[in-house]
Amino acid sequence: MFYYVLKYVLLGPLLRVVFRPRIEGLEQVPASGAAIVAGNHLSFSDHFLMPAILRRRITFLAKAEYFTGPGLKGRLTAAFFRSAGQIPVDRSGKEAGQAAIREGLGVLRRGELLGIYPEGTRSPDGRLYKGKVGVAVMAIRAGVPVVPCAMIGTFEAQPPGRVLPRIRPVVIRFGAPLDFSRFAGMTEQKAVLRAVTDEIMYAILALSGQEYVDTYAAVAKAGQADGAAAPKTGRGRGFPHPPLG
C-alpha cells in the first residue's frame, strides 16, 4: 500500500514537477508477466524516477548500505526502501552475489517486474561501465525478456555527492525486449554469460549514447580514490564487443 501512496500521492507528483520526465518506448515494457528492466545507473534519483513513470510495480535490487545506515537519516532511508518493497543486496563477495540472484529470481517467479542496474553501482562520471553477469544468469534461468532502459540527464540533475537534485528535464528511454531463451541451461558457461551481458549493455548504450568504459564502475571508483589514471574508453556508441547474432 505504501508503494502506491509514494507513487501517486507523495513522491511521484513531486518527481514529475522537478524532472519533467519525457518517456520514450514505454510500450516496450510488458503489460503483464515477469520481465527484467536493465538500466544504466547515473543518480540516486534513478531509484525513484523509473517506478514513478512505469504503469506496473517494479522491485529493485538495492545495495544493502541503504538499509544499514547509521543515525536518524539511516533509519529513515531504510524504512523508505523497505516500505517501497526494495530488496537489499550485499555486494561484498561471490556468495553475496548468489544471494542477490536468488532474491531476484524469487521476484521473477511471482510474475513481477525486476529492476537491475548491471553496472552494480552508480557511474562516477556519467559514462557507461561494464556490466556484471548476474543479470544474464537471472534472465536465462527465469526465461524472461530483458528490457533495456536508458536514464538520460539524471547525472547532471543529481551527480554523486549532491543531496538535492537540480530542477531540469530528463529522458527515460526503453528499448525492445531482448530474448535469451536460446541459451536455456547454459548458465554455467562463462563465455555465454559474458556475451549475454554485453548484448544487454550494448542495447543500453544504443539508447543512452553514453561514452563506454570497458571496466567495472567499482574499479573505476577505487582508482579515482587512489588517484589512478582514468581507464581507456570507447567513444559514443562504440563498444568493445559486437552484440550476439
Protein backbone atom coordinates (compact mmCIF):
# COMPACT_ATOMS: atom_id res chain seq x y z
CA MET A 1 0.00 0.00 0.00
CA PHE A 2 2.80 2.46 0.91
CA TYR A 3 4.37 1.84 -2.52
CA TYR A 4 1.27 3.22 -4.24
CA VAL A 5 0.94 6.12 -1.79
CA LEU A 6 4.53 7.10 -2.68
CA LYS A 7 3.92 6.64 -6.40
CA TYR A 8 0.65 8.50 -6.78
CA VAL A 9 0.41 10.86 -3.79
CA LEU A 10 3.73 11.73 -2.14
CA LEU A 11 6.76 11.25 -4.37
CA GLY A 12 5.51 10.64 -7.90
CA PRO A 13 3.87 14.04 -8.47
CA LEU A 14 6.91 15.83 -7.00
CA LEU A 15 9.32 13.97 -9.27
CA ARG A 16 7.27 14.86 -12.32
CA VAL A 17 7.47 18.53 -11.39
CA VAL A 18 11.20 18.51 -10.65
CA PHE A 19 12.39 16.38 -13.57
CA ARG A 20 9.55 16.78 -16.12
CA PRO A 21 10.49 13.34 -17.49
CA ARG A 22 9.96 12.59 -21.17
CA ILE A 23 9.14 8.90 -21.58
CA GLU A 24 10.04 7.09 -24.78
CA GLY A 25 9.22 3.47 -25.63
CA LEU A 26 7.09 2.74 -22.57
CA GLU A 27 5.09 0.27 -24.67
CA GLN A 28 8.21 -1.95 -24.75
CA VAL A 29 7.67 -2.88 -21.08
CA PRO A 30 5.39 -5.97 -20.95
CA ALA A 31 1.93 -5.20 -19.59
CA SER A 32 1.95 -8.47 -17.62
CA GLY A 33 4.24 -11.34 -16.73
CA ALA A 34 7.78 -11.48 -15.45
CA ALA A 35 10.49 -9.37 -17.05
CA ILE A 36 13.75 -7.66 -16.17
CA VAL A 37 14.24 -3.95 -16.76
CA ALA A 38 18.00 -3.34 -17.02
CA GLY A 39 19.20 0.24 -16.99
CA ASN A 40 22.20 2.47 -16.67
CA HIS A 41 22.71 4.00 -13.22
CA LEU A 42 23.66 7.65 -13.07
CA SER A 43 21.99 9.10 -10.00
CA PHE A 44 20.34 8.34 -6.67
CA SER A 45 17.17 9.72 -8.29
CA ASP A 46 17.06 6.76 -10.70
CA HIS A 47 15.64 4.58 -7.91
CA PHE A 48 12.51 6.74 -7.77
CA LEU A 49 12.04 8.04 -11.29
CA MET A 50 11.54 4.69 -13.03
CA PRO A 51 8.94 3.40 -10.53
CA ALA A 52 7.15 6.75 -10.77
CA ILE A 53 6.64 6.52 -14.54
CA LEU A 54 6.01 2.78 -15.01
CA ARG A 55 2.42 1.57 -15.12
CA ARG A 56 3.38 -1.61 -13.25
CA ARG A 57 5.07 -2.04 -9.91
CA ILE A 58 8.80 -2.74 -10.17
CA THR A 59 11.09 -4.15 -7.48
CA PHE A 60 14.75 -3.15 -7.49
CA LEU A 61 17.74 -4.88 -6.02
CA ALA A 62 19.17 -2.06 -3.88
CA LYS A 63 22.56 -2.00 -2.17
CA ALA A 64 22.48 -3.18 1.44
CA GLU A 65 24.05 0.08 2.65
CA TYR A 66 20.70 1.81 2.06
CA PHE A 67 19.24 -0.42 4.78
CA THR A 68 22.03 -0.22 7.35
CA GLY A 69 22.99 3.46 7.53
CA PRO A 70 23.62 4.98 10.98
CA GLY A 71 21.57 7.62 12.77
CA LEU A 72 18.17 9.09 12.02
CA LYS A 73 18.94 9.54 8.33
CA GLY A 74 19.96 5.88 8.04
CA ARG A 75 16.79 4.66 9.76
CA LEU A 76 14.56 6.83 7.59
CA THR A 77 16.32 5.69 4.42
CA ALA A 78 15.99 2.03 5.42
CA ALA A 79 12.31 2.46 6.28
CA PHE A 80 11.68 4.15 2.95
CA PHE A 81 13.33 1.42 0.88
CA ARG A 82 11.64 -1.38 2.81
CA SER A 83 8.23 0.28 2.51
CA ALA A 84 8.77 0.64 -1.23
CA GLY A 85 9.39 -3.11 -1.48
CA GLN A 86 13.04 -2.88 -2.48
CA ILE A 87 15.40 -5.79 -1.77
CA PRO A 88 18.76 -5.26 0.00
CA VAL A 89 21.78 -6.71 -1.80
CA ASP A 90 25.11 -7.40 -0.10
CA ARG A 91 27.82 -6.63 -2.68
CA SER A 92 30.78 -7.87 -0.64
CA GLY A 93 31.60 -11.12 -2.45
CA LYS A 94 30.62 -14.10 -4.58
CA GLU A 95 28.26 -15.65 -2.02
CA ALA A 96 26.53 -12.29 -1.62
CA GLY A 97 26.07 -12.18 -5.38
CA GLN A 98 24.42 -15.62 -5.34
CA ALA A 99 22.02 -14.41 -2.65
CA ALA A 100 21.07 -11.44 -4.83
CA ILE A 101 20.38 -13.77 -7.75
CA ARG A 102 18.13 -15.94 -5.57
CA GLU A 103 16.18 -12.87 -4.43
CA GLY A 104 15.82 -11.62 -7.99
CA LEU A 105 14.63 -15.00 -9.25
CA GLY A 106 12.01 -15.02 -6.50
CA VAL A 107 10.58 -11.76 -7.83
CA LEU A 108 10.50 -13.12 -11.38
CA ARG A 109 8.84 -16.39 -10.34
CA ARG A 110 5.96 -14.32 -8.96
CA GLY A 111 5.46 -12.86 -12.43
CA GLU A 112 6.65 -9.39 -11.45
CA LEU A 113 8.99 -6.77 -12.89
CA LEU A 114 12.55 -6.78 -11.57
CA GLY A 115 14.74 -3.70 -11.92
CA ILE A 116 18.51 -4.18 -12.21
CA TYR A 117 21.49 -1.91 -12.76
CA PRO A 118 24.02 -4.28 -14.38
CA GLU A 119 26.89 -1.86 -13.66
CA GLY A 120 26.45 -2.73 -9.99
CA THR A 121 26.84 0.83 -8.73
CA ARG A 122 26.32 4.40 -9.85
CA SER A 123 28.56 5.72 -12.58
CA PRO A 124 31.15 8.03 -11.01
CA ASP A 125 31.37 10.30 -14.06
CA GLY A 126 28.32 9.82 -16.27
CA ARG A 127 29.86 7.17 -18.53
CA LEU A 128 28.54 3.63 -19.05
CA TYR A 129 30.61 0.90 -17.41
CA LYS A 130 30.97 -2.84 -17.93
CA GLY A 131 28.01 -4.94 -16.80
CA LYS A 132 28.16 -7.72 -14.23
CA VAL A 133 26.85 -11.12 -15.35
CA GLY A 134 24.19 -11.56 -12.65
CA VAL A 135 21.59 -10.07 -14.98
CA ALA A 136 22.41 -12.75 -17.57
CA VAL A 137 22.11 -15.55 -15.00
CA MET A 138 18.66 -14.37 -13.93
CA ALA A 139 17.38 -13.78 -17.46
CA ILE A 140 18.44 -17.25 -18.64
CA ARG A 141 17.35 -19.18 -15.53
CA ALA A 142 13.96 -17.47 -15.35
CA GLY A 143 13.47 -17.49 -19.11
CA VAL A 144 12.26 -13.88 -19.14
CA PRO A 145 12.83 -10.96 -21.52
CA VAL A 146 15.21 -8.15 -20.65
CA VAL A 147 14.02 -4.61 -21.44
CA PRO A 148 16.95 -2.18 -21.79
CA CYS A 149 16.43 1.27 -20.31
CA ALA A 150 18.45 4.48 -20.51
CA MET A 151 18.23 7.30 -17.99
CA ILE A 152 19.38 10.48 -19.71
CA GLY A 153 20.10 13.69 -17.80
CA THR A 154 19.84 12.33 -14.27
CA PHE A 155 23.60 12.55 -13.74
CA GLU A 156 23.52 16.28 -14.48
CA ALA A 157 20.46 16.69 -12.25
CA GLN A 158 21.93 14.83 -9.27
CA PRO A 159 25.53 13.66 -9.63
CA PRO A 160 27.17 11.62 -6.83
CA GLY A 161 27.54 13.72 -3.69
CA ARG A 162 24.70 16.12 -4.46
CA VAL A 163 21.90 15.82 -1.89
CA LEU A 164 19.14 17.81 -3.61
CA PRO A 165 18.62 17.42 -7.35
CA ARG A 166 18.66 20.34 -9.76
CA ILE A 167 15.36 21.14 -11.42
CA ARG A 168 15.84 20.05 -15.02
CA PRO A 169 14.13 17.75 -17.54
CA VAL A 170 15.28 14.18 -18.06
CA VAL A 171 14.54 11.45 -20.59
CA ILE A 172 13.72 7.82 -19.76
CA ARG A 173 14.01 5.64 -22.85
CA PHE A 174 13.06 1.95 -23.17
CA GLY A 175 14.22 -0.37 -25.94
CA ALA A 176 12.80 -3.53 -27.46
CA PRO A 177 12.84 -6.58 -25.14
CA LEU A 178 15.80 -8.93 -25.58
CA ASP A 179 15.11 -12.68 -25.76
CA PHE A 180 17.78 -15.07 -24.48
CA SER A 181 15.71 -18.27 -24.47
CA ARG A 182 18.20 -19.86 -26.90
CA PHE A 183 20.70 -20.04 -24.04
CA ALA A 184 18.46 -22.06 -21.69
CA GLY A 185 20.50 -24.34 -19.44
CA MET A 186 23.81 -22.59 -20.25
CA THR A 187 24.32 -20.51 -17.10
CA GLU A 188 27.46 -22.46 -16.19
CA GLN A 189 29.23 -21.27 -19.34
CA LYS A 190 31.11 -18.08 -18.50
CA ALA A 191 31.51 -17.08 -22.15
CA VAL A 192 27.74 -17.21 -22.65
CA LEU A 193 27.07 -15.11 -19.55
CA ARG A 194 29.62 -12.53 -20.67
CA ALA A 195 28.18 -12.37 -24.19
CA VAL A 196 24.59 -12.02 -22.95
CA THR A 197 25.58 -9.29 -20.51
CA ASP A 198 27.48 -7.46 -23.23
CA GLU A 199 24.44 -7.59 -25.51
CA ILE A 200 22.33 -6.03 -22.75
CA MET A 201 24.92 -3.30 -22.18
CA TYR A 202 25.15 -2.68 -25.93
CA ALA A 203 21.38 -2.15 -26.05
CA ILE A 204 21.56 0.31 -23.13
CA LEU A 205 24.43 2.13 -24.83
CA ALA A 206 22.48 2.45 -28.09
CA LEU A 207 19.65 4.09 -26.15
CA SER A 208 21.77 6.40 -23.99
CA GLY A 209 24.57 7.46 -26.34
CA GLN A 210 26.99 7.46 -23.41
CA GLU A 211 30.72 7.02 -23.60
CA TYR A 212 31.56 3.39 -22.78
CA VAL A 213 34.28 2.23 -20.37
CA ASP A 214 35.36 -1.42 -20.58
CA THR A 215 35.94 -1.87 -16.87
CA TYR A 216 33.70 -2.15 -13.81
CA ALA A 217 32.39 1.04 -12.22
CA ALA A 218 33.51 -0.11 -8.77
CA VAL A 219 37.08 -0.49 -10.08
CA ALA A 220 36.94 2.98 -11.61
CA LYS A 221 35.73 4.45 -8.31
CA ALA A 222 38.55 2.75 -6.42
CA GLY A 223 41.04 4.06 -8.97
CA GLN A 224 39.73 7.60 -8.59
CA ALA A 225 40.05 7.34 -4.83
CA ASP A 226 43.67 6.23 -5.25
CA GLY A 227 44.42 8.92 -7.82
CA ALA A 228 44.89 6.45 -10.69
CA ALA A 229 44.53 7.48 -14.32
CA ALA A 230 41.11 7.18 -15.97
CA PRO A 231 40.57 3.86 -17.79
CA LYS A 232 40.53 3.61 -21.56
CA THR A 233 37.17 4.17 -23.17
CA GLY A 234 35.12 3.64 -26.27
CA ARG A 235 33.51 6.80 -27.60
CA GLY A 236 29.82 7.45 -28.21
CA ARG A 237 28.00 4.34 -29.39
CA GLY A 238 31.20 2.34 -29.76
CA PHE A 239 31.51 -0.98 -27.94
CA PRO A 240 34.40 -3.41 -27.50
CA HIS A 241 32.31 -6.48 -28.42
CA PRO A 242 29.62 -6.85 -31.11
CA PRO A 243 26.13 -7.91 -29.99
CA LEU A 244 25.16 -11.55 -30.34
CA GLY A 245 23.72 -12.72 -33.65
